Each structure stands twice: as structure tokens, then as C-alpha cells.
Amino acid sequence: MPRTIFLHAGKHKTGSTSIQHYLADNAEYLANLGLATVENLFEVVPKRRATALVNCFDIAHCIIRPELNTPIRLRYPELAAPTLEQQRLQALRINERLMAKPGHALIISAEAFSFLRRPSEREIFDLVFQGFEVRTVLFLRERQDWLESWKKQTAGALAKFGRPVGDVESVFDYELSSWLADDASIEAFFQPGCQTLCYEAAMEKHGSVVPAFLEAIGLDPSECPPWQEYWRNRS
């Protein structure tokens, strides 16, 4: 039977940083349960280094359509417009590294996965994760609140880089009709095996999204290391 990948796909502004810090701080505990936490692979931005960085934006950006100007791509011009063949080769290298990871299941987190929409991206997605059963965990938030929070987060990037000319799908589209707020399309991309959780419900019940995520991957939060202090980037 294929091993499982628990893929935490965001969205942005739904407590992803809290989950990532929890995973980094408790990687050894999870490994003892057979759950290997995957750190960022630095395939895409090799010069960027951080200790126990489990926001796997490299893996996500290997898959994301080349023409989408994400904040990471605007910050690192070397990420711009890879060819399809470059994406395929990178996907196969990443897959080899994932296959070499120990454990009966892997945990990968990157909110940038929530940008995925296209069939061409699904082709690369399947190359990256071939040989695994992918079970996606996706947090969704009330659309207007989410858009306002996303606008605050990306205001600096918009001021610095401006909206790239010719962008059809822009990460700086803050309207309710924005493709970014089309949650049904995100869920459809990750089928089968997508578990959708409500950000507001998790916060109301626990004051944190971490226990909801732990439950989604089959763990009892009461038996896990404390999670109550993990609440980052509140907006």
C-alpha cells in the first residue's frame, strides 16, 4: 500500500503559521509516531535558509503555474516562468527526496498550495506525489474577512512591486469575485481526499487551528504536546 502524505494546503490567513511552528517544534514527537514532518527542500530558492522551516513553499512553487506572480516569485526573480520541462524535472527530484523520507506517513505544509487551480498544475502535482496517497487538509474562512486579511498581508508586496502588467489572475485581486476567493475551485483541485475545515469554527472551539489540524491527521490533541500558545500572525 502507498504511504500517506497529509498535505496542509492553507489557505493563507487561516492559522497556517501556527500549524507550521507547531510541526517544527514537535517534529521529533511526531516522528516517534511514524509521522515525518517535511522541511522546505530549498529546490527553488536555494539561497534562503532557515532552521526547521516547514513552510514548504518550494514544493508548492514547483507546481504553481509559471505565469502566476506570487509574492515569493516577486521577491525572488529567479523563480519567474519556469518551463514545463523544468517543472517536471524538479517534480521528479522532489519526489525522490520524499520517497526517501522515513515514516509511515509524511506531513507537508504550505499555504501556497491554495493557489493551485489548473489541469497543468495537477499534472505536476501528480508527479511530485506519485507513489503516495495524498490526503489534503484545507482551512477555509468567511470570504470577506479572508480577503481583508489577505489584503493587509500583501499590501507591502503590492506597494513594492506593483501589480504585474498583464496579470489575468493576480494575487492582488481583493474583490469578492476574485479567483482567490473561489473556494470551490480549490476544493475541487484537491479531490479526492480533501478534508475541508472551518477556520472560524476551529477558533471558536479551541482558540487555535492546531488541534483541528491534529484531529484531521488522526491524532488526539489532548495526547499531543501543548498547542495552546501557538497563535501567530493574528489578523
Protein backbone atom coordinates (compact mmCIF):
# COMPACT_ATOMS: atom_id res chain seq x y z
CA MET A 1 0.00 0.00 0.00
CA PRO A 2 1.24 3.54 -0.72
CA ARG A 3 2.29 5.70 2.18
CA THR A 4 0.15 8.69 3.10
CA ILE A 5 1.00 12.35 2.70
CA PHE A 6 -1.00 14.69 4.88
CA LEU A 7 -0.89 17.88 2.82
CA HIS A 8 -1.79 21.02 4.73
CA ALA A 9 -2.69 23.38 1.86
CA GLY A 10 -3.64 26.53 3.79
CA LYS A 11 -5.36 28.80 2.84
CA HIS A 12 -3.31 31.85 3.71
CA LYS A 13 -4.57 33.73 6.77
CA THR A 14 -6.16 30.67 8.39
CA GLY A 15 -3.56 29.89 11.05
CA SER A 16 -1.02 28.19 8.78
CA THR A 17 1.97 29.76 10.55
CA SER A 18 0.74 28.41 13.89
CA ILE A 19 0.48 24.91 12.45
CA GLN A 20 3.94 25.18 10.87
CA HIS A 21 5.59 26.33 14.10
CA TYR A 22 3.88 23.51 15.97
CA LEU A 23 5.09 20.95 13.43
CA ALA A 24 8.65 22.29 13.56
CA ASP A 25 8.81 22.35 17.35
CA ASN A 26 7.32 18.86 17.70
CA ALA A 27 8.90 17.07 14.74
CA GLU A 28 10.62 14.53 16.98
CA TYR A 29 7.40 13.67 18.80
CA LEU A 30 5.60 13.19 15.50
CA ALA A 31 8.47 11.13 14.08
CA ASN A 32 8.16 8.75 17.02
CA LEU A 33 4.57 8.21 15.89
CA GLY A 34 5.77 7.45 12.36
CA LEU A 35 4.81 10.88 11.02
CA ALA A 36 7.73 12.56 9.25
CA THR A 37 7.47 16.36 9.09
CA VAL A 38 8.90 17.58 5.79
CA GLU A 39 11.04 20.71 5.95
CA ASN A 40 11.36 23.06 3.00
CA LEU A 41 13.56 21.44 0.36
CA PHE A 42 15.20 24.63 -0.98
CA GLU A 43 14.97 23.45 -4.57
CA VAL A 44 13.53 26.71 -5.82
CA VAL A 45 15.21 29.33 -3.62
CA PRO A 46 18.46 27.64 -2.54
CA LYS A 47 19.92 30.80 -1.02
CA ARG A 48 17.09 31.09 1.51
CA ARG A 49 17.84 29.12 4.66
CA ALA A 50 16.06 28.86 7.98
CA THR A 51 16.14 26.44 10.87
CA ALA A 52 13.32 23.89 10.84
CA LEU A 53 11.42 25.80 8.18
CA VAL A 54 8.39 23.65 7.46
CA ASN A 55 6.59 26.08 5.19
CA CYS A 56 7.32 24.03 2.06
CA PHE A 57 6.83 26.86 -0.41
CA ASP A 58 9.50 25.30 -2.65
CA ILE A 59 7.35 22.25 -3.29
CA ALA A 60 4.27 24.39 -3.91
CA HIS A 61 6.11 26.71 -6.31
CA CYS A 62 7.41 23.78 -8.30
CA ILE A 63 3.76 23.04 -9.09
CA ILE A 64 2.22 26.53 -9.36
CA ARG A 65 1.64 27.69 -12.94
CA PRO A 66 4.64 29.72 -14.14
CA GLU A 67 2.65 32.79 -15.09
CA LEU A 68 1.24 33.38 -11.60
CA ASN A 69 3.19 36.16 -9.88
CA THR A 70 3.05 35.07 -6.25
CA PRO A 71 4.63 37.22 -3.51
CA ILE A 72 7.53 34.73 -3.29
CA ARG A 73 8.14 34.91 -7.05
CA LEU A 74 8.06 38.70 -6.98
CA ARG A 75 10.62 38.64 -4.17
CA TYR A 76 12.87 36.15 -5.94
CA PRO A 77 13.01 36.91 -9.71
CA GLU A 78 14.85 33.63 -10.35
CA LEU A 79 11.52 31.90 -9.73
CA ALA A 80 9.87 33.56 -12.70
CA ALA A 81 8.38 31.50 -15.51
CA PRO A 82 9.98 28.04 -15.35
CA THR A 83 9.31 25.95 -18.41
CA LEU A 84 7.03 22.94 -18.16
CA GLU A 85 10.05 20.67 -18.64
CA GLN A 86 11.87 22.40 -15.78
CA GLN A 87 8.83 21.88 -13.57
CA ARG A 88 8.68 18.20 -14.47
CA LEU A 89 12.36 17.61 -13.73
CA GLN A 90 12.10 19.45 -10.43
CA ALA A 91 8.97 17.49 -9.53
CA LEU A 92 10.78 14.19 -10.08
CA ARG A 93 13.73 15.31 -7.91
CA ILE A 94 11.36 16.32 -5.12
CA ASN A 95 9.51 13.02 -5.40
CA GLU A 96 12.77 11.10 -4.96
CA ARG A 97 13.52 13.06 -1.79
CA LEU A 98 10.03 12.48 -0.42
CA MET A 99 10.28 8.76 -1.15
CA ALA A 100 13.50 8.63 0.87
CA LYS A 101 11.82 10.10 3.96
CA PRO A 102 11.16 7.67 6.83
CA GLY A 103 7.82 7.06 8.49
CA HIS A 104 4.51 5.52 7.51
CA ALA A 105 3.20 9.00 6.63
CA LEU A 106 4.60 12.42 5.78
CA ILE A 107 3.28 15.85 6.77
CA ILE A 108 3.76 18.72 4.30
CA SER A 109 2.52 22.25 4.92
CA ALA A 110 2.47 25.28 2.62
CA GLU A 111 -0.37 27.72 2.23
CA ALA A 112 0.86 28.44 -1.30
CA PHE A 113 -0.75 25.15 -2.36
CA SER A 114 -4.06 27.01 -2.18
CA PHE A 115 -3.11 28.88 -5.38
CA LEU A 116 -3.46 25.67 -7.42
CA ARG A 117 -6.31 25.53 -9.94
CA ARG A 118 -5.25 24.31 -13.39
CA PRO A 119 -5.12 20.86 -15.05
CA SER A 120 -1.49 21.58 -16.00
CA GLU A 121 -0.72 22.08 -12.31
CA ARG A 122 -2.44 18.81 -11.50
CA GLU A 123 -0.04 17.06 -13.87
CA ILE A 124 2.98 18.37 -11.93
CA PHE A 125 1.22 17.78 -8.60
CA ASP A 126 0.79 14.11 -9.51
CA LEU A 127 4.49 13.84 -10.43
CA VAL A 128 5.60 15.34 -7.12
CA PHE A 129 3.40 13.00 -5.09
CA GLN A 130 3.41 9.86 -7.22
CA GLY A 131 3.59 6.72 -5.10
CA PHE A 132 1.76 8.37 -2.18
CA GLU A 133 -1.85 8.66 -1.12
CA VAL A 134 -2.43 12.40 -0.68
CA ARG A 135 -4.91 13.48 1.98
CA THR A 136 -5.31 17.24 1.88
CA VAL A 137 -6.29 19.36 4.88
CA LEU A 138 -7.70 22.73 3.85
CA PHE A 139 -8.90 25.53 6.14
CA LEU A 140 -11.44 27.97 4.74
CA ARG A 141 -12.57 31.29 6.19
CA GLU A 142 -15.51 33.64 5.63
CA ARG A 143 -14.70 35.23 2.28
CA GLN A 144 -14.92 38.95 3.12
CA ASP A 145 -12.89 38.59 6.31
CA TRP A 146 -10.38 36.45 4.46
CA LEU A 147 -9.99 38.99 1.64
CA GLU A 148 -9.47 41.84 4.10
CA SER A 149 -6.83 39.85 5.97
CA TRP A 150 -5.10 38.82 2.73
CA LYS A 151 -5.10 42.46 1.59
CA LYS A 152 -3.32 43.50 4.79
CA GLN A 153 -0.74 40.74 4.38
CA THR A 154 0.06 41.58 0.76
CA ALA A 155 -0.10 45.38 0.97
CA GLY A 156 3.68 45.64 1.33
CA ALA A 157 4.33 43.47 -1.72
CA LEU A 158 1.81 45.44 -3.77
CA ALA A 159 3.42 48.75 -2.78
CA LYS A 160 6.93 47.45 -3.56
CA PHE A 161 6.34 45.55 -6.78
CA GLY A 162 3.03 46.86 -8.10
CA ARG A 163 0.54 44.68 -9.90
CA PRO A 164 2.46 42.98 -12.74
CA VAL A 165 1.29 44.12 -16.17
CA GLY A 166 -0.81 41.56 -17.99
CA ASP A 167 -1.75 39.52 -14.93
CA VAL A 168 -5.07 37.80 -15.60
CA GLU A 169 -5.13 36.14 -12.19
CA SER A 170 -3.50 38.47 -9.70
CA VAL A 171 -2.72 37.76 -6.06
CA PHE A 172 -3.66 41.43 -5.53
CA ASP A 173 -7.28 40.94 -6.57
CA TYR A 174 -9.26 41.76 -3.44
CA GLU A 175 -12.79 41.69 -4.82
CA LEU A 176 -15.41 39.18 -3.65
CA SER A 177 -15.50 37.90 -7.22
CA SER A 178 -11.75 37.25 -7.11
CA TRP A 179 -10.44 33.85 -8.20
CA LEU A 180 -8.60 33.81 -4.87
CA ALA A 181 -11.93 33.66 -3.06
CA ASP A 182 -13.29 30.84 -5.23
CA ASP A 183 -13.02 28.20 -2.53
CA ALA A 184 -14.99 25.63 -4.51
CA SER A 185 -12.25 25.58 -7.15
CA ILE A 186 -9.58 24.99 -4.50
CA GLU A 187 -11.52 22.09 -3.01
CA ALA A 188 -12.14 20.62 -6.46
CA PHE A 189 -8.42 20.65 -7.27
CA PHE A 190 -7.55 18.53 -4.24
CA GLN A 191 -10.20 15.86 -4.76
CA PRO A 192 -10.29 13.05 -3.97
CA GLY A 193 -9.16 13.06 -0.37
CA CYS A 194 -9.65 16.71 0.58
CA GLN A 195 -10.85 17.42 4.11
CA THR A 196 -12.16 20.98 4.47
CA LEU A 197 -12.19 22.61 7.91
CA CYS A 198 -13.75 25.88 9.01
CA TYR A 199 -11.30 28.41 10.42
CA GLU A 200 -13.95 30.24 12.46
CA ALA A 201 -15.29 27.02 13.96
CA ALA A 202 -11.81 25.88 14.97
CA MET A 203 -11.04 29.23 16.57
CA GLU A 204 -14.36 29.31 18.42
CA LYS A 205 -13.91 25.79 19.77
CA HIS A 206 -10.20 25.84 20.63
CA GLY A 207 -8.85 29.35 20.18
CA SER A 208 -6.40 27.78 17.73
CA VAL A 209 -6.46 25.81 14.47
CA VAL A 210 -3.71 23.45 15.66
CA PRO A 211 -5.97 20.93 17.46
CA ALA A 212 -8.33 20.83 14.48
CA PHE A 213 -5.37 20.01 12.26
CA LEU A 214 -4.13 17.32 14.66
CA GLU A 215 -7.57 15.70 14.62
CA ALA A 216 -7.60 15.84 10.83
CA ILE A 217 -4.43 13.75 10.67
CA GLY A 218 -5.79 11.22 13.15
CA LEU A 219 -4.28 12.43 16.43
CA ASP A 220 -5.92 13.26 19.76
CA PRO A 221 -4.88 16.83 20.67
CA SER A 222 -5.18 16.04 24.38
CA GLU A 223 -2.43 13.43 23.99
CA CYS A 224 -0.13 15.66 21.93
CA PRO A 225 2.38 18.29 23.12
CA PRO A 226 0.71 21.53 24.27
CA TRP A 227 -0.64 23.65 21.44
CA GLN A 228 -2.33 26.49 23.35
CA GLU A 229 0.46 29.03 22.81
CA TYR A 230 0.67 28.57 19.06
CA TRP A 231 -1.15 31.54 17.63
CA ARG A 232 0.90 33.56 15.17
CA ASN A 233 0.31 36.40 12.70
CA ARG A 234 -3.12 37.28 14.04
CA SER A 235 -5.21 39.27 11.57
